[in-house]
Amino acid sequence: MAQAGSGGSVSGAAGQRGLPLGGGAIASIGGVAVLLIFMFQNTNDVRVKFLFWDFTWPVWLLILVSALVGAFVWFGMGVLRRRRRRKARRQDRPT
């Protein structure tokens, strides 16, 4: 419940100024910061052999690509989970 204080300002959750950050957002920001520090410290080139590909990349680029692929897979798994749960809820609805 928000209450008006002296001077007409609103106190309480509805009257907060700024950007409220949840635990997931704080963890994501921290993870990106650690990733960037790790990338800046690893600037050497590395030879990559994967299946029939053989190429040389900077380590920071390999780290970035790996992180992006991992994030894409994580996001895709979340989408599939939400879709399965939505489908199950629809089937459980009384007709």
PDB file of N, CA and C in Angstrom:
ATOM      1  N   MET A   1       0.848  -1.166   0.000  1.00  0.00           N
ATOM      2  CA  MET A   1       0.000   0.000   0.000  1.00  0.00           C
ATOM      3  C   MET A   1       0.890   1.224   0.000  1.00  0.00           C
ATOM      4  N   ALA A   2       0.652   2.162  -0.873  1.00  0.00           N
ATOM      5  CA  ALA A   2       1.439   3.385  -0.957  1.00  0.00           C
ATOM      6  C   ALA A   2       0.770   4.476  -0.146  1.00  0.00           C
ATOM      7  N   GLN A   3       1.584   5.195   0.569  1.00  0.00           N
ATOM      8  CA  GLN A   3       1.068   6.292   1.377  1.00  0.00           C
ATOM      9  C   GLN A   3       1.728   7.580   0.944  1.00  0.00           C
ATOM     10  N   ALA A   4       0.960   8.648   0.962  1.00  0.00           N
ATOM     11  CA  ALA A   4       1.514   9.960   0.624  1.00  0.00           C
ATOM     12  C   ALA A   4       2.192  10.532   1.859  1.00  0.00           C
ATOM     13  N   GLY A   5       3.450  10.895   1.705  1.00  0.00           N
ATOM     14  CA  GLY A   5       4.193  11.488   2.813  1.00  0.00           C
ATOM     15  C   GLY A   5       4.108  13.000   2.739  1.00  0.00           C
ATOM     16  N   SER A   6       4.869  13.668   3.562  1.00  0.00           N
ATOM     17  CA  SER A   6       4.877  15.126   3.521  1.00  0.00           C
ATOM     18  C   SER A   6       5.508  15.578   2.216  1.00  0.00           C
ATOM     19  N   GLY A   7       4.971  16.568   1.618  1.00  0.00           N
ATOM     20  CA  GLY A   7       5.475  17.080   0.348  1.00  0.00           C
ATOM     21  C   GLY A   7       4.863  16.374  -0.843  1.00  0.00           C
ATOM     22  N   GLY A   8       3.905  15.483  -0.615  1.00  0.00           N
ATOM     23  CA  GLY A   8       3.193  14.851  -1.714  1.00  0.00           C
ATOM     24  C   GLY A   8       3.944  13.697  -2.354  1.00  0.00           C
ATOM     25  N   SER A   9       5.089  13.291  -1.799  1.00  0.00           N
ATOM     26  CA  SER A   9       5.806  12.164  -2.397  1.00  0.00           C
ATOM     27  C   SER A   9       5.135  10.864  -1.979  1.00  0.00           C
ATOM     28  N   VAL A  10       5.285   9.869  -2.796  1.00  0.00           N
ATOM     29  CA  VAL A  10       4.656   8.580  -2.548  1.00  0.00           C
ATOM     30  C   VAL A  10       5.734   7.632  -2.057  1.00  0.00           C
ATOM     31  N   SER A  11       5.446   6.936  -0.956  1.00  0.00           N
ATOM     32  CA  SER A  11       6.391   5.954  -0.449  1.00  0.00           C
ATOM     33  C   SER A  11       5.817   4.572  -0.664  1.00  0.00           C
ATOM     34  N   GLY A  12       6.654   3.563  -0.599  1.00  0.00           N
ATOM     35  CA  GLY A  12       6.198   2.197  -0.819  1.00  0.00           C
ATOM     36  C   GLY A  12       6.720   1.681  -2.139  1.00  0.00           C
ATOM     37  N   ALA A  13       6.320   0.465  -2.480  1.00  0.00           N
ATOM     38  CA  ALA A  13       6.840  -0.186  -3.681  1.00  0.00           C
ATOM     39  C   ALA A  13       6.429   0.548  -4.952  1.00  0.00           C
ATOM     40  N   ALA A  14       5.235   1.102  -4.969  1.00  0.00           N
ATOM     41  CA  ALA A  14       4.758   1.770  -6.181  1.00  0.00           C
ATOM     42  C   ALA A  14       5.469   3.086  -6.420  1.00  0.00           C
ATOM     43  N   GLY A  15       6.022   3.677  -5.390  1.00  0.00           N
ATOM     44  CA  GLY A  15       6.652   4.983  -5.546  1.00  0.00           C
ATOM     45  C   GLY A  15       8.156   4.921  -5.696  1.00  0.00           C
ATOM     46  N   GLN A  16       8.729   3.745  -5.885  1.00  0.00           N
ATOM     47  CA  GLN A  16      10.174   3.634  -6.019  1.00  0.00           C
ATOM     48  C   GLN A  16      10.634   4.246  -7.323  1.00  0.00           C
ATOM     49  N   ARG A  17      11.751   4.911  -7.249  1.00  0.00           N
ATOM     50  CA  ARG A  17      12.380   5.450  -8.454  1.00  0.00           C
ATOM     51  C   ARG A  17      13.571   4.567  -8.785  1.00  0.00           C
ATOM     52  N   GLY A  18      13.958   4.545 -10.024  1.00  0.00           N
ATOM     53  CA  GLY A  18      15.098   3.730 -10.412  1.00  0.00           C
ATOM     54  C   GLY A  18      14.644   2.418 -11.012  1.00  0.00           C
ATOM     55  N   LEU A  19      15.614   1.561 -11.222  1.00  0.00           N
ATOM     56  CA  LEU A  19      15.364   0.300 -11.887  1.00  0.00           C
ATOM     57  C   LEU A  19      15.524  -0.849 -10.902  1.00  0.00           C
ATOM     58  N   PRO A  20      14.430  -1.510 -10.525  1.00  0.00           N
ATOM     59  CA  PRO A  20      14.557  -2.637  -9.597  1.00  0.00           C
ATOM     60  C   PRO A  20      15.141  -3.851 -10.331  1.00  0.00           C
ATOM     61  N   LEU A  21      16.176  -4.450  -9.773  1.00  0.00           N
ATOM     62  CA  LEU A  21      16.810  -5.604 -10.402  1.00  0.00           C
ATOM     63  C   LEU A  21      16.536  -6.848  -9.569  1.00  0.00           C
ATOM     64  N   GLY A  22      16.115  -7.894 -10.223  1.00  0.00           N
ATOM     65  CA  GLY A  22      15.902  -9.160  -9.549  1.00  0.00           C
ATOM     66  C   GLY A  22      17.191  -9.956  -9.479  1.00  0.00           C
ATOM     67  N   GLY A  23      17.125 -11.099  -8.842  1.00  0.00           N
ATOM     68  CA  GLY A  23      18.300 -11.943  -8.692  1.00  0.00           C
ATOM     69  C   GLY A  23      18.846 -12.440 -10.021  1.00  0.00           C
ATOM     70  N   GLY A  24      17.953 -12.799 -10.934  1.00  0.00           N
ATOM     71  CA  GLY A  24      18.393 -13.276 -12.242  1.00  0.00           C
ATOM     72  C   GLY A  24      19.116 -12.209 -13.037  1.00  0.00           C
ATOM     73  N   ALA A  25      18.626 -10.978 -12.965  1.00  0.00           N
ATOM     74  CA  ALA A  25      19.268  -9.877 -13.682  1.00  0.00           C
ATOM     75  C   ALA A  25      20.640  -9.582 -13.102  1.00  0.00           C
ATOM     76  N   ILE A  26      20.751  -9.605 -11.783  1.00  0.00           N
ATOM     77  CA  ILE A  26      22.039  -9.348 -11.142  1.00  0.00           C
ATOM     78  C   ILE A  26      23.028 -10.459 -11.493  1.00  0.00           C
ATOM     79  N   ALA A  27      22.578 -11.715 -11.479  1.00  0.00           N
ATOM     80  CA  ALA A  27      23.449 -12.835 -11.845  1.00  0.00           C
ATOM     81  C   ALA A  27      23.885 -12.731 -13.306  1.00  0.00           C
ATOM     82  N   SER A  28      22.974 -12.317 -14.194  1.00  0.00           N
ATOM     83  CA  SER A  28      23.313 -12.172 -15.610  1.00  0.00           C
ATOM     84  C   SER A  28      24.344 -11.075 -15.827  1.00  0.00           C
ATOM     85  N   ILE A  29      24.167  -9.953 -15.152  1.00  0.00           N
ATOM     86  CA  ILE A  29      25.126  -8.850 -15.270  1.00  0.00           C
ATOM     87  C   ILE A  29      26.493  -9.282 -14.748  1.00  0.00           C
ATOM     88  N   GLY A  30      26.501  -9.985 -13.628  1.00  0.00           N
ATOM     89  CA  GLY A  30      27.762 -10.489 -13.084  1.00  0.00           C
ATOM     90  C   GLY A  30      28.429 -11.485 -14.021  1.00  0.00           C
ATOM     91  N   GLY A  31      27.634 -12.372 -14.615  1.00  0.00           N
ATOM     92  CA  GLY A  31      28.175 -13.345 -15.560  1.00  0.00           C
ATOM     93  C   GLY A  31      28.761 -12.690 -16.798  1.00  0.00           C
ATOM     94  N   VAL A  32      28.091 -11.674 -17.311  1.00  0.00           N
ATOM     95  CA  VAL A  32      28.607 -10.948 -18.481  1.00  0.00           C
ATOM     96  C   VAL A  32      29.896 -10.220 -18.117  1.00  0.00           C
ATOM     97  N   ALA A  33      29.961  -9.647 -16.922  1.00  0.00           N
ATOM     98  CA  ALA A  33      31.176  -8.956 -16.489  1.00  0.00           C
ATOM     99  C   ALA A  33      32.350  -9.927 -16.399  1.00  0.00           C
ATOM    100  N   VAL A  34      32.132 -11.095 -15.799  1.00  0.00           N
ATOM    101  CA  VAL A  34      33.193 -12.100 -15.697  1.00  0.00           C
ATOM    102  C   VAL A  34      33.602 -12.588 -17.083  1.00  0.00           C
ATOM    103  N   LEU A  35      32.627 -12.782 -17.967  1.00  0.00           N
ATOM    104  CA  LEU A  35      32.926 -13.203 -19.336  1.00  0.00           C
ATOM    105  C   LEU A  35      33.784 -12.170 -20.055  1.00  0.00           C
ATOM    106  N   LEU A  36      33.445 -10.897 -19.925  1.00  0.00           N
ATOM    107  CA  LEU A  36      34.224  -9.835 -20.579  1.00  0.00           C
ATOM    108  C   LEU A  36      35.649  -9.769 -20.034  1.00  0.00           C
ATOM    109  N   ILE A  37      35.801  -9.888 -18.723  1.00  0.00           N
ATOM    110  CA  ILE A  37      37.146  -9.879 -18.132  1.00  0.00           C
ATOM    111  C   ILE A  37      37.951 -11.057 -18.669  1.00  0.00           C
ATOM    112  N   PHE A  38      37.337 -12.238 -18.715  1.00  0.00           N
ATOM    113  CA  PHE A  38      38.011 -13.432 -19.223  1.00  0.00           C
ATOM    114  C   PHE A  38      38.403 -13.259 -20.686  1.00  0.00           C
ATOM    115  N   MET A  39      37.521 -12.636 -21.472  1.00  0.00           N
ATOM    116  CA  MET A  39      37.822 -12.415 -22.885  1.00  0.00           C
ATOM    117  C   MET A  39      38.985 -11.441 -23.069  1.00  0.00           C
ATOM    118  N   PHE A  40      39.014 -10.357 -22.284  1.00  0.00           N
ATOM    119  CA  PHE A  40      40.088  -9.374 -22.412  1.00  0.00           C
ATOM    120  C   PHE A  40      41.436  -9.937 -21.977  1.00  0.00           C
ATOM    121  N   GLN A  41      41.445 -10.920 -21.089  1.00  0.00           N
ATOM    122  CA  GLN A  41      42.698 -11.505 -20.626  1.00  0.00           C
ATOM    123  C   GLN A  41      43.223 -12.583 -21.564  1.00  0.00           C
ATOM    124  N   ASN A  42      42.395 -13.095 -22.440  1.00  0.00           N
ATOM    125  CA  ASN A  42      42.790 -14.178 -23.342  1.00  0.00           C
ATOM    126  C   ASN A  42      42.701 -13.702 -24.780  1.00  0.00           C
ATOM    127  N   THR A  43      43.784 -13.101 -25.257  1.00  0.00           N
ATOM    128  CA  THR A  43      43.775 -12.511 -26.601  1.00  0.00           C
ATOM    129  C   THR A  43      44.650 -13.282 -27.581  1.00  0.00           C
ATOM    130  N   ASN A  44      45.244 -14.389 -27.162  1.00  0.00           N
ATOM    131  CA  ASN A  44      46.106 -15.172 -28.058  1.00  0.00           C
ATOM    132  C   ASN A  44      45.265 -15.908 -29.093  1.00  0.00           C
ATOM    133  N   ASP A  45      45.938 -16.354 -30.145  1.00  0.00           N
ATOM    134  CA  ASP A  45      45.269 -17.172 -31.161  1.00  0.00           C
ATOM    135  C   ASP A  45      45.356 -18.642 -30.761  1.00  0.00           C
ATOM    136  N   VAL A  46      44.360 -19.403 -31.164  1.00  0.00           N
ATOM    137  CA  VAL A  46      44.334 -20.831 -30.881  1.00  0.00           C
ATOM    138  C   VAL A  46      43.885 -21.572 -32.136  1.00  0.00           C
ATOM    139  N   ARG A  47      44.479 -22.739 -32.348  1.00  0.00           N
ATOM    140  CA  ARG A  47      44.096 -23.560 -33.497  1.00  0.00           C
ATOM    141  C   ARG A  47      42.975 -24.494 -33.053  1.00  0.00           C
ATOM    142  N   VAL A  48      41.876 -24.478 -33.786  1.00  0.00           N
ATOM    143  CA  VAL A  48      40.705 -25.269 -33.454  1.00  0.00           C
ATOM    144  C   VAL A  48      40.533 -26.365 -34.500  1.00  0.00           C
ATOM    145  N   LYS A  49      40.428 -27.609 -34.015  1.00  0.00           N
ATOM    146  CA  LYS A  49      40.120 -28.747 -34.889  1.00  0.00           C
ATOM    147  C   LYS A  49      38.806 -29.327 -34.409  1.00  0.00           C
ATOM    148  N   PHE A  50      37.778 -29.253 -35.260  1.00  0.00           N
ATOM    149  CA  PHE A  50      36.460 -29.776 -34.915  1.00  0.00           C
ATOM    150  C   PHE A  50      35.895 -30.499 -36.126  1.00  0.00           C
ATOM    151  N   LEU A  51      35.672 -31.797 -35.961  1.00  0.00           N
ATOM    152  CA  LEU A  51      35.201 -32.667 -37.040  1.00  0.00           C
ATOM    153  C   LEU A  51      36.125 -32.510 -38.242  1.00  0.00           C
ATOM    154  N   PHE A  52      35.646 -31.965 -39.339  1.00  0.00           N
ATOM    155  CA  PHE A  52      36.495 -31.794 -40.518  1.00  0.00           C
ATOM    156  C   PHE A  52      36.959 -30.351 -40.697  1.00  0.00           C
ATOM    157  N   TRP A  53      36.638 -29.473 -39.745  1.00  0.00           N
ATOM    158  CA  TRP A  53      37.097 -28.088 -39.811  1.00  0.00           C
ATOM    159  C   TRP A  53      38.420 -27.946 -39.079  1.00  0.00           C
ATOM    160  N   ASP A  54      39.264 -27.078 -39.585  1.00  0.00           N
ATOM    161  CA  ASP A  54      40.552 -26.783 -38.959  1.00  0.00           C
ATOM    162  C   ASP A  54      40.836 -25.305 -39.217  1.00  0.00           C
ATOM    163  N   PHE A  55      40.806 -24.491 -38.146  1.00  0.00           N
ATOM    164  CA  PHE A  55      40.980 -23.058 -38.324  1.00  0.00           C
ATOM    165  C   PHE A  55      41.631 -22.443 -37.091  1.00  0.00           C
ATOM    166  N   THR A  56      42.102 -21.208 -37.247  1.00  0.00           N
ATOM    167  CA  THR A  56      42.734 -20.474 -36.150  1.00  0.00           C
ATOM    168  C   THR A  56      41.877 -19.268 -35.816  1.00  0.00           C
ATOM    169  N   TRP A  57      41.550 -19.137 -34.543  1.00  0.00           N
ATOM    170  CA  TRP A  57      40.739 -18.017 -34.045  1.00  0.00           C
ATOM    171  C   TRP A  57      41.382 -17.432 -32.802  1.00  0.00           C
ATOM    172  N   PRO A  58      41.123 -16.165 -32.527  1.00  0.00           N
ATOM    173  CA  PRO A  58      41.522 -15.630 -31.222  1.00  0.00           C
ATOM    174  C   PRO A  58      40.690 -16.299 -30.121  1.00  0.00           C
ATOM    175  N   VAL A  59      41.295 -16.510 -28.965  1.00  0.00           N
ATOM    176  CA  VAL A  59      40.596 -17.191 -27.874  1.00  0.00           C
ATOM    177  C   VAL A  59      39.354 -16.405 -27.460  1.00  0.00           C
ATOM    178  N   TRP A  60      39.440 -15.048 -27.464  1.00  0.00           N
ATOM    179  CA  TRP A  60      38.284 -14.250 -27.030  1.00  0.00           C
ATOM    180  C   TRP A  60      37.091 -14.486 -27.946  1.00  0.00           C
ATOM    181  N   LEU A  61      37.339 -14.661 -29.244  1.00  0.00           N
ATOM    182  CA  LEU A  61      36.240 -14.898 -30.178  1.00  0.00           C
ATOM    183  C   LEU A  61      35.646 -16.291 -29.974  1.00  0.00           C
ATOM    184  N   LEU A  62      36.496 -17.261 -29.709  1.00  0.00           N
ATOM    185  CA  LEU A  62      36.020 -18.612 -29.430  1.00  0.00           C
ATOM    186  C   LEU A  62      35.169 -18.636 -28.163  1.00  0.00           C
ATOM    187  N   ILE A  63      35.594 -17.887 -27.142  1.00  0.00           N
ATOM    188  CA  ILE A  63      34.824 -17.791 -25.898  1.00  0.00           C
ATOM    189  C   ILE A  63      33.473 -17.140 -26.167  1.00  0.00           C
ATOM    190  N   LEU A  64      33.466 -16.054 -26.935  1.00  0.00           N
ATOM    191  CA  LEU A  64      32.225 -15.342 -27.234  1.00  0.00           C
ATOM    192  C   LEU A  64      31.253 -16.224 -28.011  1.00  0.00           C
ATOM    193  N   VAL A  65      31.758 -16.918 -29.030  1.00  0.00           N
ATOM    194  CA  VAL A  65      30.897 -17.789 -29.828  1.00  0.00           C
ATOM    195  C   VAL A  65      30.348 -18.923 -28.968  1.00  0.00           C
ATOM    196  N   SER A  66      31.197 -19.496 -28.113  1.00  0.00           N
ATOM    197  CA  SER A  66      30.739 -20.572 -27.231  1.00  0.00           C
ATOM    198  C   SER A  66      29.658 -20.076 -26.273  1.00  0.00           C
ATOM    199  N   ALA A  67      29.846 -18.885 -25.720  1.00  0.00           N
ATOM    200  CA  ALA A  67      28.854 -18.324 -24.802  1.00  0.00           C
ATOM    201  C   ALA A  67      27.534 -18.047 -25.522  1.00  0.00           C
ATOM    202  N   LEU A  68      27.602 -17.531 -26.740  1.00  0.00           N
ATOM    203  CA  LEU A  68      26.382 -17.253 -27.495  1.00  0.00           C
ATOM    204  C   LEU A  68      25.638 -18.538 -27.862  1.00  0.00           C
ATOM    205  N   VAL A  69      26.379 -19.573 -28.257  1.00  0.00           N
ATOM    206  CA  VAL A  69      25.738 -20.852 -28.571  1.00  0.00           C
ATOM    207  C   VAL A  69      25.087 -21.421 -27.313  1.00  0.00           C
ATOM    208  N   GLY A  70      25.788 -21.343 -26.185  1.00  0.00           N
ATOM    209  CA  GLY A  70      25.228 -21.822 -24.929  1.00  0.00           C
ATOM    210  C   GLY A  70      23.980 -21.060 -24.525  1.00  0.00           C
ATOM    211  N   ALA A  71      23.998 -19.739 -24.695  1.00  0.00           N
ATOM    212  CA  ALA A  71      22.827 -18.923 -24.361  1.00  0.00           C
ATOM    213  C   ALA A  71      21.654 -19.258 -25.283  1.00  0.00           C
ATOM    214  N   PHE A  72      21.943 -19.492 -26.545  1.00  0.00           N
ATOM    215  CA  PHE A  72      20.888 -19.844 -27.502  1.00  0.00           C
ATOM    216  C   PHE A  72      20.247 -21.182 -27.134  1.00  0.00           C
ATOM    217  N   VAL A  73      21.069 -22.168 -26.766  1.00  0.00           N
ATOM    218  CA  VAL A  73      20.544 -23.475 -26.361  1.00  0.00           C
ATOM    219  C   VAL A  73      19.723 -23.332 -25.090  1.00  0.00           C
ATOM    220  N   TRP A  74      20.215 -22.558 -24.116  1.00  0.00           N
ATOM    221  CA  TRP A  74      19.510 -22.343 -22.853  1.00  0.00           C
ATOM    222  C   TRP A  74      18.138 -21.716 -23.117  1.00  0.00           C
ATOM    223  N   PHE A  75      18.116 -20.683 -23.966  1.00  0.00           N
ATOM    224  CA  PHE A  75      16.862 -20.007 -24.307  1.00  0.00           C
ATOM    225  C   PHE A  75      15.907 -20.962 -25.026  1.00  0.00           C
ATOM    226  N   GLY A  76      16.448 -21.741 -25.958  1.00  0.00           N
ATOM    227  CA  GLY A  76      15.619 -22.688 -26.697  1.00  0.00           C
ATOM    228  C   GLY A  76      15.010 -23.753 -25.799  1.00  0.00           C
ATOM    229  N   MET A  77      15.776 -24.228 -24.824  1.00  0.00           N
ATOM    230  CA  MET A  77      15.239 -25.217 -23.890  1.00  0.00           C
ATOM    231  C   MET A  77      14.127 -24.603 -23.035  1.00  0.00           C
ATOM    232  N   GLY A  78      14.271 -23.335 -22.664  1.00  0.00           N
ATOM    233  CA  GLY A  78      13.217 -22.661 -21.913  1.00  0.00           C
ATOM    234  C   GLY A  78      11.945 -22.507 -22.718  1.00  0.00           C
ATOM    235  N   VAL A  79      12.094 -22.190 -24.002  1.00  0.00           N
ATOM    236  CA  VAL A  79      10.922 -22.063 -24.875  1.00  0.00           C
ATOM    237  C   VAL A  79      10.210 -23.402 -24.996  1.00  0.00           C
ATOM    238  N   LEU A  80      10.969 -24.483 -25.178  1.00  0.00           N
ATOM    239  CA  LEU A  80      10.360 -25.805 -25.280  1.00  0.00           C
ATOM    240  C   LEU A  80       9.647 -26.188 -23.980  1.00  0.00           C
ATOM    241  N   ARG A  81      10.244 -25.858 -22.848  1.00  0.00           N
ATOM    242  CA  ARG A  81       9.622 -26.180 -21.561  1.00  0.00           C
ATOM    243  C   ARG A  81       8.308 -25.427 -21.386  1.00  0.00           C
ATOM    244  N   ARG A  82       8.329 -24.133 -21.711  1.00  0.00           N
ATOM    245  CA  ARG A  82       7.087 -23.351 -21.589  1.00  0.00           C
ATOM    246  C   ARG A  82       6.013 -23.880 -22.529  1.00  0.00           C
ATOM    247  N   ARG A  83       6.393 -24.283 -23.718  1.00  0.00           N
ATOM    248  CA  ARG A  83       5.426 -24.801 -24.687  1.00  0.00           C
ATOM    249  C   ARG A  83       4.808 -26.109 -24.186  1.00  0.00           C
ATOM    250  N   ARG A  84       5.651 -26.999 -23.610  1.00  0.00           N
ATOM    251  CA  ARG A  84       5.133 -28.248 -23.066  1.00  0.00           C
ATOM    252  C   ARG A  84       4.181 -28.006 -21.899  1.00  0.00           C
ATOM    253  N   ARG A  85       4.546 -27.071 -21.026  1.00  0.00           N
ATOM    254  CA  ARG A  85       3.683 -26.769 -19.876  1.00  0.00           C
ATOM    255  C   ARG A  85       2.365 -26.159 -20.329  1.00  0.00           C
ATOM    256  N   ARG A  86       2.399 -25.290 -21.320  1.00  0.00           N
ATOM    257  CA  ARG A  86       1.173 -24.671 -21.839  1.00  0.00           C
ATOM    258  C   ARG A  86       0.275 -25.726 -22.461  1.00  0.00           C
ATOM    259  N   LYS A  87       0.875 -26.647 -23.203  1.00  0.00           N
ATOM    260  CA  LYS A  87       0.094 -27.711 -23.826  1.00  0.00           C
ATOM    261  C   LYS A  87      -0.544 -28.599 -22.755  1.00  0.00           C
ATOM    262  N   ALA A  88       0.189 -28.907 -21.702  1.00  0.00           N
ATOM    263  CA  ALA A  88      -0.352 -29.733 -20.606  1.00  0.00           C
ATOM    264  C   ALA A  88      -1.493 -29.013 -19.898  1.00  0.00           C
ATOM    265  N   ARG A  89      -1.355 -27.702 -19.692  1.00  0.00           N
ATOM    266  CA  ARG A  89      -2.439 -26.935 -19.042  1.00  0.00           C
ATOM    267  C   ARG A  89      -3.686 -26.933 -19.909  1.00  0.00           C
ATOM    268  N   ARG A  90      -3.524 -26.815 -21.216  1.00  0.00           N
ATOM    269  CA  ARG A  90      -4.685 -26.823 -22.106  1.00  0.00           C
ATOM    270  C   ARG A  90      -5.396 -28.165 -22.067  1.00  0.00           C
ATOM    271  N   GLN A  91      -4.629 -29.254 -21.989  1.00  0.00           N
ATOM    272  CA  GLN A  91      -5.245 -30.569 -21.941  1.00  0.00           C
ATOM    273  C   GLN A  91      -5.950 -30.818 -20.615  1.00  0.00           C
ATOM    274  N   ASP A  92      -5.475 -30.201 -19.543  1.00  0.00           N
ATOM    275  CA  ASP A  92      -6.075 -30.387 -18.216  1.00  0.00           C
ATOM    276  C   ASP A  92      -7.317 -29.541 -18.006  1.00  0.00           C
ATOM    277  N   ARG A  93      -7.566 -28.572 -18.898  1.00  0.00           N
ATOM    278  CA  ARG A  93      -8.749 -27.715 -18.760  1.00  0.00           C
ATOM    279  C   ARG A  93     -10.026 -28.503 -18.950  1.00  0.00           C
ATOM    280  N   PRO A  94     -11.013 -28.223 -18.101  1.00  0.00           N
ATOM    281  CA  PRO A  94     -12.309 -28.893 -18.324  1.00  0.00           C
ATOM    282  C   PRO A  94     -12.977 -28.309 -19.573  1.00  0.00           C
ATOM    283  N   THR A  95     -13.644 -29.152 -20.308  1.00  0.00           N
ATOM    284  CA  THR A  95     -14.302 -28.681 -21.560  1.00  0.00           C
ATOM    285  C   THR A  95     -15.768 -28.425 -21.341  1.00  0.00           C
TER     286      THR A  95
END
